[in-house]
Amino acid sequence: MRTDQWHFPRPELASGYLELLELGLSSARTLFARRRMGKTEFLQKDLAPAAERAGYLTAYVNLWEDRDEPAGALVGALYTALEPDWLARLMNKARSPLKRLKASGRLTGVGEGSIEAELTPEEKHYVGTLLGEVMRALDKQPKVLLLVIDEAQVLARLEHANFAHALRAALDIRKDKLKVVFAGSSESTLRNMFGRPAEPFYNWAALEPFPLLGREFVEFMIEKTNAIAKNQLSVKHGMLAFERLNQTPEFFRRFLERFLTYPFDGPQAAIEYTREHVFHDGHFARHWQSLLPADRAILTMMANGESDFHSAAAREKLGLILGLDKAPSMNTPAHALRRLQNGNLVTKLALGEYQFEDEAFGEWVRNLDLEAGSPK
């Protein structure tokens, strides 16, 4: 496997998570962080390899890639970890519930790809059978398996409740053989998923923020950049770029790419170019247009620092934005906030405290020209 020279390794963090799991006090952890903050890269390039070196079997699945059929994706990841020839065996089964299997990348045993599974409505109830089969395969081998479920909040959707209950039951009786790291980008959904008594995974895993990258990451990336750049980049300019790009690792990488491509323009030009492109993305405008007026108004107020959306003053401001003759009832902001949370656009941090799920979208809203309805 080729080493990624631009990957910032975090071996101590990976070892720390494994040590906590090995203590036996808990068989699962749940990590949350906004998108583009380096969480997935850490899980795939630090945590999973560290677990394999420690003697674990590992299975990784990103449910966001198969959010309509997470059951098939998760079962496929488990089979891949346990039985290298599972794909051929499964496709030869007379009652295989998989209508279509496509090997396209990232999992051991199927090249460098992921497993995509499409289930017909009449076949979905067979997924529980497959889950039972792969769990029995786990029971027969001596190693402990680390299952990493990225974007785990997908399992909180109502349509996936039956599978989530089946998965919870299967994990419950195998805490000595199967350790789980849940990760996700929707803090509010994850808090509901693990904190509400009616949810399948209620009280099943501790929820904690994923440690974000900072100065050490910037210095590492600048060292890599200066090793190949004719014009050297200072740590001062690197930290300025990191701050101007909302401390988002993915956006900082785009800044470095721009700087390396056009070195004579200088770091400031690379910062402004990157900001223009990451905070003024066309899909934000399309998403914005699809929202209800009340949802847009709430996002606008949030971008301008508003926090208490139910107060009389806030509702008066909401009414002005919506062009109403009087302040709307408390139901209007309540329903809007619920829709925005369900759409993974905002996260509820505490009572009356919300933040944008994607800070890039938040920056885009902050820069909106409300009269023109387009970015400045």
Protein backbone atom coordinates (compact mmCIF):
# COMPACT_ATOMS: atom_id res chain seq x y z
CA MET A 1 0.00 0.00 0.00
CA ARG A 2 1.50 3.34 -1.07
CA THR A 3 2.16 5.82 1.74
CA ASP A 4 0.41 9.18 1.52
CA GLN A 5 3.19 11.71 2.04
CA TRP A 6 0.62 14.41 2.82
CA HIS A 7 -1.04 12.46 5.61
CA PHE A 8 -0.44 13.94 9.06
CA PRO A 9 -0.05 10.87 11.31
CA ARG A 10 -1.63 10.82 14.76
CA PRO A 11 -0.31 7.56 16.30
CA GLU A 12 -0.75 8.69 19.93
CA LEU A 13 -4.42 9.45 19.38
CA ALA A 14 -5.01 6.09 17.70
CA SER A 15 -3.19 4.24 20.50
CA GLY A 16 -5.23 6.11 23.07
CA TYR A 17 -8.54 4.98 21.59
CA LEU A 18 -7.35 1.37 21.36
CA GLU A 19 -6.12 1.39 24.95
CA LEU A 20 -9.51 2.61 26.15
CA LEU A 21 -11.25 -0.20 24.26
CA GLU A 22 -8.79 -2.78 25.56
CA LEU A 23 -9.50 -1.83 29.18
CA GLY A 24 -12.82 -3.61 28.76
CA LEU A 25 -14.90 -0.98 30.56
CA SER A 26 -16.52 -0.06 27.27
CA SER A 27 -16.70 -1.81 23.90
CA ALA A 28 -17.54 1.30 21.86
CA ARG A 29 -16.75 4.99 21.39
CA THR A 30 -18.59 7.66 19.42
CA LEU A 31 -16.68 10.56 17.87
CA PHE A 32 -18.20 13.63 16.26
CA ALA A 33 -16.75 16.46 14.21
CA ARG A 34 -17.93 18.64 11.35
CA ARG A 35 -17.24 17.45 7.83
CA ARG A 36 -13.81 18.10 6.31
CA MET A 37 -12.05 18.13 9.70
CA GLY A 38 -9.83 15.07 9.09
CA LYS A 39 -11.95 12.53 10.94
CA THR A 40 -12.32 10.00 8.11
CA GLU A 41 -8.63 10.20 7.20
CA PHE A 42 -7.70 9.49 10.81
CA LEU A 43 -10.04 6.50 11.01
CA GLN A 44 -8.75 4.96 7.78
CA LYS A 45 -5.05 5.84 7.94
CA ASP A 46 -4.31 5.92 11.66
CA LEU A 47 -6.84 4.01 13.74
CA ALA A 48 -7.46 1.02 11.45
CA PRO A 49 -3.72 0.37 10.72
CA ALA A 50 -2.88 0.73 14.43
CA ALA A 51 -5.59 -1.81 15.27
CA GLU A 52 -4.27 -4.25 12.67
CA ARG A 53 -0.75 -3.93 14.07
CA ALA A 54 -2.20 -4.68 17.51
CA GLY A 55 -3.71 -7.92 16.20
CA TYR A 56 -7.27 -6.83 15.46
CA LEU A 57 -9.28 -7.62 12.40
CA THR A 58 -10.69 -4.36 11.07
CA ALA A 59 -13.78 -3.38 9.10
CA TYR A 60 -14.52 0.17 7.94
CA VAL A 61 -17.73 1.43 6.37
CA ASN A 62 -18.89 4.95 5.51
CA LEU A 63 -22.69 4.88 5.66
CA TRP A 64 -23.01 8.26 3.94
CA GLU A 65 -21.97 6.56 0.70
CA ASP A 66 -24.84 4.05 1.04
CA ARG A 67 -27.28 6.01 3.18
CA ASP A 68 -30.32 4.51 1.42
CA GLU A 69 -29.09 0.94 2.08
CA PRO A 70 -26.64 1.07 5.02
CA ALA A 71 -27.46 -2.52 6.00
CA GLY A 72 -25.94 -3.98 2.85
CA ALA A 73 -22.86 -1.76 3.12
CA LEU A 74 -22.22 -2.64 6.75
CA VAL A 75 -22.74 -6.38 6.28
CA GLY A 76 -20.47 -6.23 3.23
CA ALA A 77 -17.70 -4.56 5.26
CA LEU A 78 -17.96 -7.23 7.96
CA TYR A 79 -17.85 -10.05 5.41
CA THR A 80 -14.81 -8.48 3.76
CA ALA A 81 -12.93 -8.41 7.06
CA LEU A 82 -13.79 -12.00 7.97
CA GLU A 83 -13.96 -13.93 4.70
CA PRO A 84 -11.83 -12.83 1.74
CA ASP A 85 -13.87 -14.96 -0.67
CA TRP A 86 -17.25 -13.81 0.66
CA LEU A 87 -18.27 -12.04 -2.56
CA ALA A 88 -18.13 -15.14 -4.75
CA ARG A 89 -19.74 -17.31 -2.09
CA LEU A 90 -22.56 -14.86 -1.47
CA MET A 91 -23.37 -14.39 -5.14
CA ASN A 92 -23.68 -18.17 -5.53
CA LYS A 93 -26.29 -18.42 -2.80
CA ALA A 94 -29.70 -19.26 -4.23
CA ARG A 95 -31.48 -16.85 -1.92
CA SER A 96 -28.91 -14.08 -1.86
CA PRO A 97 -30.71 -10.85 -0.90
CA LEU A 98 -28.34 -8.76 -2.99
CA LYS A 99 -29.84 -7.63 -6.26
CA ARG A 100 -26.66 -5.84 -7.29
CA LEU A 101 -23.15 -5.93 -5.94
CA LYS A 102 -20.53 -3.58 -7.25
CA ALA A 103 -16.92 -3.80 -6.16
CA SER A 104 -15.55 -0.32 -6.65
CA GLY A 105 -12.83 0.26 -4.23
CA ARG A 106 -11.69 0.61 -0.69
CA LEU A 107 -12.10 -2.70 1.12
CA THR A 108 -9.63 -5.52 1.56
CA GLY A 109 -10.47 -8.41 -0.72
CA VAL A 110 -12.15 -6.34 -3.43
CA GLY A 111 -9.36 -4.28 -4.87
CA GLU A 112 -9.38 -0.68 -3.71
CA GLY A 113 -13.12 -0.12 -3.51
CA SER A 114 -16.25 -0.11 -1.49
CA ILE A 115 -19.24 -2.40 -1.62
CA GLU A 116 -22.48 -1.01 -2.93
CA ALA A 117 -25.56 -3.10 -2.33
CA GLU A 118 -29.05 -2.49 -3.66
CA LEU A 119 -31.82 -4.43 -2.00
CA THR A 120 -35.27 -4.93 -3.44
CA PRO A 121 -38.16 -4.22 -1.03
CA GLU A 122 -39.11 -7.90 -0.77
CA GLU A 123 -35.50 -8.85 -0.02
CA LYS A 124 -34.75 -6.40 2.78
CA HIS A 125 -35.87 -8.77 5.53
CA TYR A 126 -33.07 -11.16 4.48
CA VAL A 127 -30.45 -8.64 5.65
CA GLY A 128 -31.00 -9.84 9.22
CA THR A 129 -30.14 -13.35 8.02
CA LEU A 130 -26.92 -12.10 6.45
CA LEU A 131 -26.06 -10.17 9.60
CA GLY A 132 -26.57 -13.33 11.64
CA GLU A 133 -24.34 -15.31 9.25
CA VAL A 134 -21.47 -12.86 9.38
CA MET A 135 -21.70 -12.67 13.17
CA ARG A 136 -21.49 -16.45 13.39
CA ALA A 137 -18.40 -16.28 11.18
CA LEU A 138 -16.93 -13.80 13.67
CA ASP A 139 -17.69 -16.21 16.54
CA LYS A 140 -15.65 -18.96 14.85
CA GLN A 141 -12.36 -17.09 14.61
CA PRO A 142 -10.09 -16.11 17.53
CA LYS A 143 -9.32 -12.47 16.76
CA VAL A 144 -11.16 -9.41 18.07
CA LEU A 145 -12.69 -7.27 15.32
CA LEU A 146 -12.70 -3.48 15.33
CA LEU A 147 -15.70 -2.17 13.40
CA VAL A 148 -15.49 1.50 12.38
CA ILE A 149 -18.84 2.95 11.32
CA ASP A 150 -18.32 6.38 9.77
CA GLU A 151 -21.29 8.77 9.38
CA ALA A 152 -23.13 6.51 11.80
CA GLN A 153 -26.00 8.99 12.16
CA VAL A 154 -27.50 7.39 9.04
CA LEU A 155 -28.60 4.50 11.28
CA ALA A 156 -30.83 6.92 13.20
CA ARG A 157 -33.22 7.28 10.25
CA LEU A 158 -36.63 5.79 10.88
CA GLU A 159 -36.48 3.57 7.79
CA HIS A 160 -33.35 1.85 9.14
CA ALA A 161 -34.74 1.23 12.65
CA ASN A 162 -35.26 -2.53 12.20
CA PHE A 163 -31.69 -3.07 11.06
CA ALA A 164 -30.36 -0.81 13.83
CA HIS A 165 -32.20 -2.91 16.43
CA ALA A 166 -30.81 -6.12 14.90
CA LEU A 167 -27.28 -4.69 14.85
CA ARG A 168 -27.54 -3.53 18.46
CA ALA A 169 -28.66 -7.00 19.53
CA ALA A 170 -25.80 -8.64 17.62
CA LEU A 171 -23.24 -6.29 19.15
CA ASP A 172 -24.63 -6.61 22.67
CA ILE A 173 -23.73 -10.28 23.00
CA ARG A 174 -20.27 -9.93 21.44
CA LYS A 175 -18.65 -7.13 23.41
CA ASP A 176 -15.59 -9.30 24.04
CA LYS A 177 -15.15 -10.13 20.33
CA LEU A 178 -16.28 -6.93 18.62
CA LYS A 179 -15.23 -3.34 19.42
CA VAL A 180 -16.99 -0.48 17.67
CA VAL A 181 -16.03 3.10 16.87
CA PHE A 182 -18.98 5.14 15.71
CA ALA A 183 -18.16 8.45 14.05
CA GLY A 184 -20.33 11.13 12.55
CA SER A 185 -20.68 14.72 11.46
CA SER A 186 -24.13 15.42 12.93
CA GLU A 187 -23.70 15.96 16.65
CA SER A 188 -27.39 16.54 17.29
CA THR A 189 -28.41 13.32 15.53
CA LEU A 190 -25.74 11.32 17.34
CA ARG A 191 -26.83 12.73 20.69
CA ASN A 192 -30.38 11.61 19.94
CA MET A 193 -29.19 8.25 18.64
CA PHE A 194 -27.29 7.43 21.84
CA GLY A 195 -29.23 9.56 24.32
CA ARG A 196 -32.93 8.96 23.71
CA PRO A 197 -34.50 5.91 25.43
CA ALA A 198 -36.58 5.03 22.37
CA GLU A 199 -33.54 4.73 20.08
CA PRO A 200 -31.92 1.31 19.34
CA PHE A 201 -28.46 2.47 20.50
CA TYR A 202 -29.60 4.28 23.65
CA ASN A 203 -26.73 4.49 26.18
CA TRP A 204 -24.60 2.13 24.10
CA ALA A 205 -21.51 4.29 23.54
CA ALA A 206 -19.86 7.33 25.06
CA LEU A 207 -20.13 10.44 22.87
CA GLU A 208 -17.10 12.72 22.61
CA PRO A 209 -15.73 15.41 20.30
CA PHE A 210 -13.02 14.33 17.87
CA PRO A 211 -9.76 16.22 18.66
CA LEU A 212 -9.27 18.76 15.88
CA LEU A 213 -6.05 19.54 14.04
CA GLY A 214 -4.07 22.68 14.78
CA ARG A 215 -0.60 24.21 14.61
CA GLU A 216 1.30 20.89 14.49
CA PHE A 217 -0.71 19.90 11.42
CA VAL A 218 0.02 23.25 9.74
CA GLU A 219 3.76 23.00 10.48
CA PHE A 220 3.88 19.44 9.15
CA MET A 221 2.14 20.42 5.91
CA ILE A 222 4.35 23.48 5.45
CA GLU A 223 7.46 21.36 5.86
CA LYS A 224 6.18 19.01 3.14
CA THR A 225 5.33 21.98 0.93
CA ASN A 226 8.70 23.70 1.33
CA ALA A 227 10.51 20.47 0.43
CA ILE A 228 9.19 20.79 -3.13
CA ALA A 229 8.40 24.52 -3.49
CA LYS A 230 10.73 27.07 -5.05
CA ASN A 231 9.15 29.87 -3.03
CA GLN A 232 9.12 28.97 0.65
CA LEU A 233 5.98 29.30 2.75
CA SER A 234 6.30 30.65 6.29
CA VAL A 235 4.51 29.20 9.31
CA LYS A 236 3.06 32.69 9.86
CA HIS A 237 1.35 32.65 6.45
CA GLY A 238 0.34 29.03 6.97
CA MET A 239 -1.38 29.79 10.26
CA LEU A 240 -3.04 32.85 8.71
CA ALA A 241 -4.43 30.66 5.92
CA PHE A 242 -5.58 28.02 8.39
CA GLU A 243 -7.46 30.64 10.45
CA ARG A 244 -8.97 32.36 7.40
CA LEU A 245 -10.19 28.97 6.19
CA ASN A 246 -11.96 28.29 9.52
CA GLN A 247 -9.30 25.81 10.68
CA THR A 248 -10.58 23.28 8.16
CA PRO A 249 -7.88 20.79 7.08
CA GLU A 250 -9.47 20.02 3.70
CA PHE A 251 -9.59 23.70 2.79
CA PHE A 252 -5.99 24.20 3.99
CA ARG A 253 -4.90 21.44 1.60
CA ARG A 254 -6.62 23.31 -1.24
CA PHE A 255 -4.72 26.44 -0.23
CA LEU A 256 -1.41 24.56 -0.40
CA GLU A 257 -2.31 23.14 -3.80
CA ARG A 258 -3.04 26.65 -5.10
CA PHE A 259 0.19 28.00 -3.58
CA LEU A 260 2.26 25.23 -5.20
CA THR A 261 0.56 25.71 -8.57
CA TYR A 262 0.97 29.50 -8.62
CA PRO A 263 3.93 30.18 -6.28
CA PHE A 264 4.80 33.59 -7.71
CA ASP A 265 1.35 34.95 -6.82
CA GLY A 266 2.26 34.57 -3.15
CA PRO A 267 0.44 33.11 -0.14
CA GLN A 268 -2.07 35.94 0.25
CA ALA A 269 -3.37 35.43 -3.27
CA ALA A 270 -3.65 31.69 -2.61
CA ILE A 271 -5.65 32.39 0.56
CA GLU A 272 -8.11 34.67 -1.21
CA TYR A 273 -8.50 32.29 -4.16
CA THR A 274 -9.20 29.37 -1.83
CA ARG A 275 -11.69 31.34 0.25
CA GLU A 276 -13.51 32.44 -2.88
CA HIS A 277 -13.87 28.86 -4.09
CA VAL A 278 -14.63 26.96 -0.88
CA PHE A 279 -17.04 29.53 0.56
CA HIS A 280 -18.85 30.34 -2.67
CA ASP A 281 -19.57 26.88 -4.00
CA GLY A 282 -22.39 26.58 -6.53
CA HIS A 283 -24.11 23.73 -4.70
CA PHE A 284 -24.66 26.02 -1.70
CA ALA A 285 -26.78 28.30 -3.89
CA ARG A 286 -28.82 25.38 -5.16
CA HIS A 287 -29.32 24.07 -1.63
CA TRP A 288 -30.29 27.54 -0.43
CA GLN A 289 -32.95 27.85 -3.13
CA SER A 290 -34.48 24.52 -2.08
CA LEU A 291 -35.11 25.71 1.50
CA LEU A 292 -38.35 27.17 2.82
CA PRO A 293 -38.31 30.95 3.49
CA ALA A 294 -38.46 30.43 7.27
CA ASP A 295 -35.46 28.08 7.12
CA ARG A 296 -33.44 30.62 5.13
CA ALA A 297 -34.39 33.36 7.59
CA ILE A 298 -33.25 31.27 10.57
CA LEU A 299 -29.93 30.51 8.87
CA THR A 300 -29.45 34.20 8.08
CA MET A 301 -30.06 35.15 11.70
CA MET A 302 -27.74 32.38 12.90
CA ALA A 303 -24.99 33.55 10.55
CA ASN A 304 -25.31 37.03 12.10
CA GLY A 305 -24.89 35.77 15.65
CA GLU A 306 -28.52 35.26 16.72
CA SER A 307 -28.99 32.45 19.23
CA ASP A 308 -32.38 32.74 20.95
CA PHE A 309 -34.80 32.25 18.08
CA HIS A 310 -37.90 32.02 20.29
CA SER A 311 -37.71 35.36 22.08
CA ALA A 312 -40.14 38.13 21.14
CA ALA A 313 -37.33 40.26 19.72
CA ALA A 314 -35.98 37.39 17.61
CA ARG A 315 -39.43 36.54 16.27
CA GLU A 316 -40.00 40.20 15.37
CA LYS A 317 -36.74 40.12 13.41
CA LEU A 318 -37.82 36.85 11.79
CA GLY A 319 -41.11 38.44 10.81
CA LEU A 320 -39.30 41.39 9.19
CA ILE A 321 -37.07 39.06 7.15
CA LEU A 322 -40.15 37.10 6.04
CA GLY A 323 -42.06 40.27 5.18
CA LEU A 324 -44.82 39.65 7.73
CA ASP A 325 -46.96 42.30 9.41
CA LYS A 326 -46.33 40.82 12.84
CA ALA A 327 -44.00 38.43 14.61
CA PRO A 328 -44.71 34.76 13.82
CA SER A 329 -45.66 32.31 16.56
CA MET A 330 -43.03 30.23 18.36
CA ASN A 331 -43.95 27.29 16.15
CA THR A 332 -42.34 28.93 13.11
CA PRO A 333 -38.74 28.96 14.39
CA ALA A 334 -39.27 25.63 16.16
CA HIS A 335 -40.36 23.86 12.97
CA ALA A 336 -37.61 25.56 10.94
CA LEU A 337 -34.90 24.51 13.37
CA ARG A 338 -36.23 20.95 13.38
CA ARG A 339 -36.10 20.82 9.57
CA LEU A 340 -32.59 22.26 9.51
CA GLN A 341 -31.37 19.70 12.05
CA ASN A 342 -33.01 16.83 10.16
CA GLY A 343 -31.32 18.08 7.00
CA ASN A 344 -27.91 18.12 8.76
CA LEU A 345 -27.56 21.86 8.18
CA VAL A 346 -27.39 22.93 11.82
CA THR A 347 -26.42 21.25 15.10
CA LYS A 348 -28.03 21.88 18.47
CA LEU A 349 -25.24 22.26 21.03
CA ALA A 350 -27.42 23.08 24.04
CA LEU A 351 -30.76 24.65 24.84
CA GLY A 352 -31.06 27.65 22.55
CA GLU A 353 -27.55 27.19 21.11
CA TYR A 354 -27.04 26.13 17.50
CA GLN A 355 -24.21 26.10 14.99
CA PHE A 356 -23.82 25.38 11.29
CA GLU A 357 -23.04 21.73 10.57
CA ASP A 358 -20.79 22.78 7.68
CA GLU A 359 -18.83 25.93 8.47
CA ALA A 360 -18.24 26.52 4.76
CA PHE A 361 -21.99 26.83 4.28
CA GLY A 362 -22.16 29.13 7.29
CA GLU A 363 -19.53 31.39 5.75
CA TRP A 364 -21.43 31.37 2.47
CA VAL A 365 -24.62 32.46 4.25
CA ARG A 366 -22.71 35.20 6.07
CA ASN A 367 -21.57 36.55 2.72
CA LEU A 368 -24.97 36.43 1.07
CA ASP A 369 -26.27 39.54 -0.62
CA LEU A 370 -29.83 39.18 0.68
CA GLU A 371 -31.31 41.72 -1.71
CA ALA A 372 -29.83 40.02 -4.78
CA GLY A 373 -30.20 36.52 -3.38
CA SER A 374 -26.67 35.56 -4.43
CA PRO A 375 -23.16 35.62 -2.94
CA LYS A 376 -21.34 38.92 -2.81
